[in-house]
Amino acid sequence: MGELRKIPGVGKKTEKDLIMLGYKNIESLKGEDPEKIYLKECEQKGCKVDRCQLYVYRCAVYYANEGEDRENKKWLGF
């Protein structure tokens, strides 16, 4: 299991997608724009990716920026 899989909601496929998009670890997601990550994935794949993936990216970026502060993540299901 890679480091990105430590993020709640990120499984094998999403980890693979994030790596393909240039995100190798949690630190690399800090300060990123989830919408831009999603649009970049759509562009690279040449199709509209399921919009649910955007929500996963939002959670991943939030997690990267906020660390392990689980109290503030209850609304995300962490």
C-alpha atoms as a PDB file:
ATOM      1  CA  MET A   1       0.000   0.000   0.000  1.00  0.00           C
ATOM      2  CA  GLY A   2       1.352   3.368  -1.012  1.00  0.00           C
ATOM      3  CA  GLU A   3       1.233   6.493   1.116  1.00  0.00           C
ATOM      4  CA  LEU A   4      -1.744   7.931  -0.775  1.00  0.00           C
ATOM      5  CA  ARG A   5      -3.860   4.942   0.293  1.00  0.00           C
ATOM      6  CA  LYS A   6      -3.561   6.175   3.882  1.00  0.00           C
ATOM      7  CA  ILE A   7      -6.042   8.903   2.916  1.00  0.00           C
ATOM      8  CA  PRO A   8      -9.571   7.765   3.786  1.00  0.00           C
ATOM      9  CA  GLY A   9     -11.538   7.129   0.591  1.00  0.00           C
ATOM     10  CA  VAL A  10      -8.460   6.605  -1.592  1.00  0.00           C
ATOM     11  CA  GLY A  11      -8.238   3.044  -2.873  1.00  0.00           C
ATOM     12  CA  LYS A  12      -5.964   1.313  -5.384  1.00  0.00           C
ATOM     13  CA  LYS A  13      -7.528   2.897  -8.457  1.00  0.00           C
ATOM     14  CA  THR A  14      -7.603   6.446  -7.119  1.00  0.00           C
ATOM     15  CA  GLU A  15      -4.043   6.081  -5.870  1.00  0.00           C
ATOM     16  CA  LYS A  16      -3.018   4.962  -9.355  1.00  0.00           C
ATOM     17  CA  ASP A  17      -4.882   7.935 -10.890  1.00  0.00           C
ATOM     18  CA  LEU A  18      -3.243  10.407  -8.514  1.00  0.00           C
ATOM     19  CA  ILE A  19       0.209   9.032  -9.315  1.00  0.00           C
ATOM     20  CA  MET A  20      -0.581   9.277 -13.049  1.00  0.00           C
ATOM     21  CA  LEU A  21      -1.507  12.925 -12.431  1.00  0.00           C
ATOM     22  CA  GLY A  22       1.832  13.597 -10.710  1.00  0.00           C
ATOM     23  CA  TYR A  23       0.899  13.246  -7.041  1.00  0.00           C
ATOM     24  CA  LYS A  24       3.310  10.786  -5.465  1.00  0.00           C
ATOM     25  CA  ASN A  25       2.538  11.356  -1.779  1.00  0.00           C
ATOM     26  CA  ILE A  26       0.245  13.166   0.636  1.00  0.00           C
ATOM     27  CA  GLU A  27       2.560  16.172   0.837  1.00  0.00           C
ATOM     28  CA  SER A  28       2.252  16.723  -2.933  1.00  0.00           C
ATOM     29  CA  LEU A  29      -1.507  17.326  -2.536  1.00  0.00           C
ATOM     30  CA  LYS A  30      -1.092  20.227  -0.099  1.00  0.00           C
ATOM     31  CA  GLY A  31      -2.391  23.481  -1.512  1.00  0.00           C
ATOM     32  CA  GLU A  32      -3.733  21.839  -4.667  1.00  0.00           C
ATOM     33  CA  ASP A  33      -7.115  22.624  -6.219  1.00  0.00           C
ATOM     34  CA  PRO A  34      -9.323  19.488  -6.349  1.00  0.00           C
ATOM     35  CA  GLU A  35     -11.264  20.891  -9.323  1.00  0.00           C
ATOM     36  CA  LYS A  36      -8.034  21.273 -11.320  1.00  0.00           C
ATOM     37  CA  ILE A  37      -6.973  17.741 -10.401  1.00  0.00           C
ATOM     38  CA  TYR A  38     -10.331  16.431 -11.619  1.00  0.00           C
ATOM     39  CA  LEU A  39     -10.233  18.420 -14.875  1.00  0.00           C
ATOM     40  CA  LYS A  40      -6.654  17.291 -15.527  1.00  0.00           C
ATOM     41  CA  GLU A  41      -7.751  13.669 -15.125  1.00  0.00           C
ATOM     42  CA  CYS A  42     -10.663  14.199 -17.551  1.00  0.00           C
ATOM     43  CA  GLU A  43      -8.258  15.749 -20.054  1.00  0.00           C
ATOM     44  CA  GLN A  44      -5.676  12.969 -19.735  1.00  0.00           C
ATOM     45  CA  LYS A  45      -8.284  10.235 -20.084  1.00  0.00           C
ATOM     46  CA  GLY A  46     -10.067  12.001 -22.920  1.00  0.00           C
ATOM     47  CA  CYS A  47     -13.485  11.667 -21.322  1.00  0.00           C
ATOM     48  CA  LYS A  48     -15.600  13.027 -18.520  1.00  0.00           C
ATOM     49  CA  VAL A  49     -14.657  11.098 -15.391  1.00  0.00           C
ATOM     50  CA  ASP A  50     -17.462  10.323 -12.921  1.00  0.00           C
ATOM     51  CA  ARG A  51     -18.044  13.484 -10.878  1.00  0.00           C
ATOM     52  CA  CYS A  52     -17.758  11.437  -7.675  1.00  0.00           C
ATOM     53  CA  GLN A  53     -14.009  11.405  -8.271  1.00  0.00           C
ATOM     54  CA  LEU A  54     -13.984  15.173  -7.683  1.00  0.00           C
ATOM     55  CA  TYR A  55     -15.399  14.585  -4.199  1.00  0.00           C
ATOM     56  CA  VAL A  56     -12.656  12.059  -3.471  1.00  0.00           C
ATOM     57  CA  TYR A  57     -10.079  14.649  -4.572  1.00  0.00           C
ATOM     58  CA  ARG A  58     -11.694  17.272  -2.336  1.00  0.00           C
ATOM     59  CA  CYS A  59     -11.399  14.958   0.646  1.00  0.00           C
ATOM     60  CA  ALA A  60      -7.821  13.997  -0.245  1.00  0.00           C
ATOM     61  CA  VAL A  61      -6.682  17.621  -0.528  1.00  0.00           C
ATOM     62  CA  TYR A  62      -8.481  18.521   2.684  1.00  0.00           C
ATOM     63  CA  TYR A  63      -6.790  15.598   4.427  1.00  0.00           C
ATOM     64  CA  ALA A  64      -3.376  16.621   3.075  1.00  0.00           C
ATOM     65  CA  ASN A  65      -3.846  20.201   4.265  1.00  0.00           C
ATOM     66  CA  GLU A  66      -5.352  19.429   7.668  1.00  0.00           C
ATOM     67  CA  GLY A  67      -3.357  16.343   8.675  1.00  0.00           C
ATOM     68  CA  GLU A  68      -4.690  13.953  11.257  1.00  0.00           C
ATOM     69  CA  ASP A  69      -7.092  16.386  12.973  1.00  0.00           C
ATOM     70  CA  ARG A  70      -9.996  13.945  12.903  1.00  0.00           C
ATOM     71  CA  GLU A  71     -12.294  16.119  15.035  1.00  0.00           C
ATOM     72  CA  ASN A  72     -12.762  18.510  12.121  1.00  0.00           C
ATOM     73  CA  LYS A  73     -13.306  15.682   9.650  1.00  0.00           C
ATOM     74  CA  LYS A  74     -16.412  14.110  11.154  1.00  0.00           C
ATOM     75  CA  TRP A  75     -18.522  15.564   8.337  1.00  0.00           C
ATOM     76  CA  LEU A  76     -16.288  13.710   5.838  1.00  0.00           C
ATOM     77  CA  GLY A  77     -16.820  10.370   7.561  1.00  0.00           C
ATOM     78  CA  PHE A  78     -13.216  10.036   8.779  1.00  0.00           C
END
